[in-house]
Protein backbone atom coordinates (compact mmCIF):
# COMPACT_ATOMS: atom_id res chain seq x y z
CA MET A 1 103.09 78.01 199.83
CA GLY A 2 104.21 78.16 203.14
CA LEU A 3 105.97 75.39 205.78
CA ARG A 4 102.76 74.90 207.15
CA ASP A 5 101.74 74.19 203.85
CA VAL A 6 104.28 71.77 203.18
CA LEU A 7 103.84 70.41 206.30
CA PHE A 8 100.13 69.75 205.80
CA GLY A 9 100.28 68.63 202.32
CA LYS A 10 98.33 71.51 201.00
CA LYS A 11 99.11 72.36 197.61
CA LYS A 12 97.61 75.39 195.49
CA LEU A 13 97.26 74.70 191.85
CA SER A 14 98.40 77.52 189.49
CA GLU A 15 95.86 79.49 187.60
CA PRO A 16 95.88 79.35 184.28
CA LYS A 17 97.48 81.68 181.51
CA ALA A 18 95.33 81.78 179.01
CA ASP A 19 96.75 84.95 176.97
CA GLN A 20 98.98 83.12 174.94
CA LEU A 21 96.32 81.10 173.06
CA PHE A 22 96.10 83.97 170.62
CA ALA A 23 99.74 83.64 169.22
CA LEU A 24 98.63 80.57 167.48
CA ALA A 25 96.53 82.78 164.93
CA THR A 26 99.34 85.29 164.79
CA ALA A 27 101.79 82.08 163.36
CA ALA A 28 99.13 80.78 161.35
CA VAL A 29 100.57 82.71 158.20
CA THR A 30 103.80 81.31 158.81
CA LEU A 31 102.33 77.73 159.35
CA ASP A 32 100.40 78.20 155.97
CA THR A 33 102.90 80.13 153.71
CA GLU A 34 106.50 78.53 154.90
CA LEU A 35 105.56 75.57 156.09
CA GLY A 36 102.44 74.33 154.38
CA LEU A 37 100.33 73.61 157.70
CA LYS A 38 96.38 74.72 157.21
CA THR A 39 94.20 74.13 160.02
CA ALA A 40 91.87 71.29 159.66
CA GLY A 41 89.06 72.96 161.77
CA ALA A 42 89.46 71.41 164.69
CA GLY A 43 90.15 72.31 168.40
CA ALA A 44 89.42 71.43 171.68
CA ILE A 45 89.70 72.56 175.10
CA ALA A 46 90.38 69.76 178.23
CA PHE A 47 90.02 69.84 181.56
CA LYS A 48 89.83 68.02 184.76
CA PRO A 49 85.79 67.97 185.68
CA GLN A 50 84.75 68.02 189.37
CA SER A 51 81.96 66.29 190.82
CA SER A 52 80.89 69.22 193.09
CA GLY A 53 77.37 70.98 192.25
CA GLU A 54 79.29 74.35 192.34
CA PHE A 55 81.26 72.95 189.42
CA ARG A 56 78.25 71.69 187.90
CA SER A 57 76.51 74.93 188.15
CA ALA A 58 79.74 76.97 186.62
CA PHE A 59 80.16 74.62 184.15
CA ASP A 60 76.21 74.81 182.95
CA ASP A 61 76.75 78.79 182.75
CA VAL A 62 79.91 77.84 180.73
CA ASP A 63 78.00 75.54 178.12
CA GLN A 64 75.63 78.13 177.56
CA LEU A 65 78.12 80.80 176.86
CA VAL A 66 80.25 78.44 174.48
CA GLU A 67 77.06 77.39 172.51
CA ALA A 68 76.23 81.14 172.06
CA VAL A 69 79.72 81.78 171.31
CA ALA A 70 79.71 78.87 168.94
CA GLN A 71 76.50 79.88 167.31
CA GLN A 72 77.51 83.26 166.87
CA CYS A 73 81.13 82.14 164.80
CA GLY A 74 79.28 79.41 163.17
CA SER A 75 81.12 76.75 165.08
CA GLU A 76 79.74 73.36 166.11
CA VAL A 77 80.58 72.03 169.64
CA GLU A 78 80.48 68.68 171.35
CA ARG A 79 81.62 67.33 174.60
CA LYS A 80 83.54 64.19 175.46
CA SER A 81 84.90 62.12 178.17
CA ASP A 82 88.22 59.89 177.90
CA ASP A 83 89.46 57.61 179.49
CA TYR A 84 91.61 59.16 182.00
CA GLY A 85 88.58 61.04 183.36
CA TYR A 86 88.88 64.22 181.62
CA ASP A 87 86.40 66.19 179.56
CA TRP A 88 87.05 67.88 176.34
CA ILE A 89 85.09 70.04 174.70
CA ILE A 90 85.44 69.86 170.63
CA VAL A 91 85.10 72.74 168.20
CA LYS A 92 84.96 72.78 164.64
CA ASP A 93 85.19 75.49 162.64
CA PRO A 94 87.31 76.46 159.40
CA ASP A 95 88.44 79.81 161.01
CA LEU A 96 91.27 79.30 163.12
CA GLU A 97 90.59 82.69 164.76
CA ASP A 98 87.07 81.37 165.59
CA LEU A 99 89.04 77.98 167.10
CA ILE A 100 91.02 80.10 169.36
CA ALA A 101 88.33 82.61 170.52
CA THR A 102 85.93 79.39 171.79
CA ALA A 103 88.92 78.32 173.71
CA HIS A 104 89.86 81.43 174.72
CA THR A 105 86.09 81.91 176.46
CA LEU A 106 85.99 78.71 177.62
CA ALA A 107 88.96 79.14 179.51
CA SER A 108 88.23 82.93 180.52
CA GLU A 109 84.91 81.86 182.06
CA LEU A 110 85.97 78.60 183.97
CA THR A 111 88.84 80.85 185.55
CA ALA A 112 86.45 83.50 186.25
CA LYS A 113 84.30 80.97 188.16
CA GLY A 114 87.36 79.83 190.22
CA PHE A 115 87.65 76.48 188.30
CA GLY A 116 91.04 77.69 186.05
CA SER A 117 92.75 75.31 187.89
CA GLN A 118 91.00 72.50 186.22
CA LEU A 119 92.17 73.54 182.85
CA LEU A 120 94.79 71.27 180.90
CA ALA A 121 95.40 71.84 177.72
CA SER A 122 93.91 73.10 174.15
CA ILE A 123 95.02 71.12 171.21
CA PHE A 124 94.07 72.47 167.37
CA ARG A 125 94.93 70.19 164.36
CA PHE A 126 96.47 71.12 161.68
CA ASP A 127 96.90 69.11 158.09
CA GLY A 128 99.52 69.64 155.07
CA TYR A 129 102.42 66.77 156.06
CA GLU A 130 102.34 63.27 156.07
CA HIS A 131 100.51 62.77 159.52
CA PRO A 132 98.33 65.29 161.31
CA VAL A 133 100.27 67.75 163.21
CA TYR A 134 98.91 68.89 166.56
CA PHE A 135 99.71 72.37 167.86
CA ILE A 136 98.82 72.16 172.08
CA TYR A 137 98.83 74.94 174.54
CA GLY A 138 99.53 74.09 178.18
CA PHE A 139 97.37 76.50 180.56
CA LYS A 140 99.50 75.67 183.63
CA ARG A 141 103.33 77.12 181.64
CA GLY A 142 101.40 79.59 179.06
CA ALA A 143 103.43 77.61 176.16
CA TRP A 144 102.96 75.98 173.35
CA TRP A 145 104.72 72.47 171.53
CA PRO A 146 103.72 70.78 168.17
CA PHE A 147 103.06 67.07 168.49
CA ILE A 148 103.31 64.85 165.72
CA PRO A 149 101.60 61.38 166.24
CA ILE A 150 103.23 58.79 163.54
CA GLY A 151 101.44 55.36 165.39
CA GLU A 152 100.61 54.17 168.37
CA SER A 153 102.21 55.55 170.82
CA LYS A 154 104.91 56.86 168.65
CA ARG A 155 105.69 60.22 167.28
CA ASP A 156 107.77 62.17 164.93
CA ASN A 157 110.43 64.08 167.58
CA ALA A 158 112.77 64.90 164.72
CA LYS A 159 109.51 66.77 162.82
CA GLU A 160 108.77 68.59 166.32
CA LEU A 161 111.90 69.81 167.12
CA GLU A 162 112.18 71.36 163.64
CA LEU A 163 108.48 72.94 164.35
CA LYS A 164 110.07 74.32 167.88
CA ALA A 165 113.00 75.81 165.63
CA LYS A 166 111.16 77.42 162.70
CA LEU A 167 108.28 78.96 165.33
CA GLU A 168 110.35 79.92 168.36
CA ASN A 169 110.01 83.59 167.29
CA GLU A 170 106.25 83.64 167.12
CA LEU A 171 105.16 81.14 169.47
CA PRO A 172 105.74 80.92 173.26
CA ILE A 173 107.22 77.25 172.92
CA GLU A 174 107.70 75.45 175.55
CA GLN A 175 110.93 75.05 176.27
CA ASP A 176 111.41 71.88 178.68
CA LEU A 177 110.76 69.05 176.49
CA THR A 178 109.90 66.87 178.95
CA ARG A 179 106.64 68.91 179.25
CA TRP A 180 105.43 68.00 175.65
CA LEU A 181 102.63 65.99 176.44
CA ALA A 182 101.92 63.49 174.12
CA LEU A 183 97.94 63.65 173.46
CA PHE A 184 97.51 60.41 171.42
CA ASP A 185 93.59 59.70 172.08
CA ALA A 186 92.75 63.73 171.99
CA PRO A 187 89.65 63.91 169.81
CA VAL A 188 90.32 66.22 167.43
């Protein structure tokens, strides 16, 4: 961003970093054997839709691609909107690698069509603790963080930090804790 952009208020949004999505599949062994967490068979990707015809056309292509990938993997795919104006593609599949591959395919296609800056996060649910555990991947930073909701607008910070410490060698964990978004209303 140059001086002219600063003066005129133009800001270029960063492109997503989708490559580290697959790190969760690598960490799955540790999640299962050492931490007792197993995939709940649900994941999602969140993005900010645009109203432009170009975005709608590109997303129609992506919808068709995601449906094809979902059928190939035997996944169920559903699309929802939330109260904050984000759209969610929810994927249900008992195989974690299929969930990750579908999220990566969607992120790659939106990026290839020029809409990568619209991507917010991917989220994957795991069970095995008293409360569900979510691993969230922030596309802008290319990093993961754990999220454990324990009630309305409450989270288990101590357990999240414990997971961070145990998984730092396997997952690119977001080091800035202020960026650990809480997605309480995520539809997974």
